[in-house]
Amino acid sequence: MEQLIINIIRLLAPYLREMAKKTDSPIDDMIVNIICSLVEQKK
């Protein structure tokens, strides 16, 4: 189950990064970057 969630986040990471850039919210950007980096470390 955890692996499935990690794979989904990995697939969505580029899309989430684009969305975070569009919102112009540094907090959103930071959260997305933290989530993405955590997922990338788990590889």
N, C-alpha and C. Protein backbone atom coordinates (compact mmCIF):
# COMPACT_ATOMS: atom_id res chain seq x y z
N MET A 1 0.84 -1.21 0.00
CA MET A 1 0.00 0.00 0.00
C MET A 1 0.87 1.26 0.00
N GLU A 2 1.88 1.26 0.86
CA GLU A 2 2.79 2.41 0.91
C GLU A 2 3.49 2.61 -0.43
N GLN A 3 3.91 1.51 -1.05
CA GLN A 3 4.59 1.58 -2.35
C GLN A 3 3.67 2.18 -3.41
N LEU A 4 2.41 1.83 -3.36
CA LEU A 4 1.43 2.37 -4.31
C LEU A 4 1.34 3.89 -4.17
N ILE A 5 1.24 4.36 -2.95
CA ILE A 5 1.16 5.81 -2.69
C ILE A 5 2.42 6.51 -3.18
N ILE A 6 3.58 5.92 -2.90
CA ILE A 6 4.85 6.49 -3.36
C ILE A 6 4.88 6.58 -4.87
N ASN A 7 4.43 5.53 -5.55
CA ASN A 7 4.42 5.53 -7.02
C ASN A 7 3.48 6.60 -7.57
N ILE A 8 2.33 6.76 -6.94
CA ILE A 8 1.36 7.78 -7.38
C ILE A 8 1.97 9.18 -7.21
N ILE A 9 2.57 9.44 -6.06
CA ILE A 9 3.19 10.75 -5.83
C ILE A 9 4.31 10.99 -6.83
N ARG A 10 5.08 9.94 -7.12
CA ARG A 10 6.17 10.05 -8.09
C ARG A 10 5.63 10.44 -9.46
N LEU A 11 4.51 9.84 -9.84
CA LEU A 11 3.89 10.17 -11.13
C LEU A 11 3.36 11.60 -11.14
N LEU A 12 2.81 12.03 -10.01
CA LEU A 12 2.21 13.36 -9.93
C LEU A 12 3.21 14.47 -9.63
N ALA A 13 4.42 14.11 -9.21
CA ALA A 13 5.40 15.12 -8.79
C ALA A 13 5.60 16.26 -9.79
N PRO A 14 5.82 15.97 -11.08
CA PRO A 14 6.01 17.09 -12.02
C PRO A 14 4.77 17.98 -12.12
N TYR A 15 3.60 17.35 -12.10
CA TYR A 15 2.34 18.09 -12.17
C TYR A 15 2.15 18.95 -10.92
N LEU A 16 2.44 18.37 -9.76
CA LEU A 16 2.33 19.10 -8.50
C LEU A 16 3.27 20.30 -8.47
N ARG A 17 4.48 20.11 -9.00
CA ARG A 17 5.45 21.21 -9.04
C ARG A 17 4.94 22.34 -9.91
N GLU A 18 4.34 22.00 -11.05
CA GLU A 18 3.78 23.03 -11.94
C GLU A 18 2.64 23.79 -11.24
N MET A 19 1.77 23.05 -10.56
CA MET A 19 0.65 23.67 -9.85
C MET A 19 1.17 24.61 -8.76
N ALA A 20 2.18 24.18 -8.03
CA ALA A 20 2.74 25.00 -6.96
C ALA A 20 3.33 26.29 -7.51
N LYS A 21 3.95 26.22 -8.68
CA LYS A 21 4.51 27.43 -9.31
C LYS A 21 3.40 28.40 -9.69
N LYS A 22 2.28 27.87 -10.16
CA LYS A 22 1.18 28.71 -10.62
C LYS A 22 0.46 29.43 -9.47
N THR A 23 0.46 28.83 -8.29
CA THR A 23 -0.26 29.44 -7.17
C THR A 23 0.48 30.63 -6.57
N ASP A 24 1.78 30.75 -6.85
CA ASP A 24 2.59 31.84 -6.30
C ASP A 24 2.59 31.84 -4.77
N SER A 25 2.40 30.68 -4.18
CA SER A 25 2.45 30.57 -2.72
C SER A 25 3.73 29.85 -2.33
N PRO A 26 4.64 30.52 -1.63
CA PRO A 26 5.89 29.86 -1.25
C PRO A 26 5.66 28.65 -0.34
N ILE A 27 4.59 28.68 0.44
CA ILE A 27 4.28 27.56 1.34
C ILE A 27 3.90 26.33 0.52
N ASP A 28 3.02 26.50 -0.47
CA ASP A 28 2.64 25.39 -1.34
C ASP A 28 3.87 24.81 -2.03
N ASP A 29 4.71 25.70 -2.55
CA ASP A 29 5.93 25.30 -3.24
C ASP A 29 6.83 24.48 -2.32
N MET A 30 6.97 24.95 -1.08
CA MET A 30 7.82 24.28 -0.11
C MET A 30 7.28 22.88 0.22
N ILE A 31 5.97 22.78 0.46
CA ILE A 31 5.35 21.50 0.78
C ILE A 31 5.54 20.51 -0.36
N VAL A 32 5.28 20.96 -1.58
CA VAL A 32 5.45 20.09 -2.76
C VAL A 32 6.89 19.62 -2.86
N ASN A 33 7.84 20.53 -2.70
CA ASN A 33 9.25 20.16 -2.79
C ASN A 33 9.65 19.16 -1.71
N ILE A 34 9.13 19.32 -0.51
CA ILE A 34 9.43 18.39 0.58
C ILE A 34 8.87 17.01 0.26
N ILE A 35 7.61 16.95 -0.17
CA ILE A 35 6.98 15.67 -0.51
C ILE A 35 7.74 14.99 -1.64
N CYS A 36 8.05 15.75 -2.68
CA CYS A 36 8.75 15.19 -3.83
C CYS A 36 10.14 14.68 -3.44
N SER A 37 10.84 15.43 -2.62
CA SER A 37 12.18 15.00 -2.24
C SER A 37 12.13 13.77 -1.34
N LEU A 38 11.12 13.67 -0.48
CA LEU A 38 10.96 12.48 0.36
C LEU A 38 10.71 11.25 -0.50
N VAL A 39 9.85 11.41 -1.50
CA VAL A 39 9.52 10.29 -2.38
C VAL A 39 10.74 9.89 -3.20
N GLU A 40 11.48 10.87 -3.69
CA GLU A 40 12.66 10.57 -4.50
C GLU A 40 13.74 9.87 -3.67
N GLN A 41 13.83 10.19 -2.39
CA GLN A 41 14.81 9.54 -1.51
C GLN A 41 14.47 8.07 -1.27
N LYS A 42 13.18 7.73 -1.34
CA LYS A 42 12.74 6.36 -1.05
C LYS A 42 13.06 5.37 -2.17
N LYS A 43 13.46 5.88 -3.33
CA LYS A 43 13.75 5.01 -4.48
C LYS A 43 14.76 3.93 -4.13
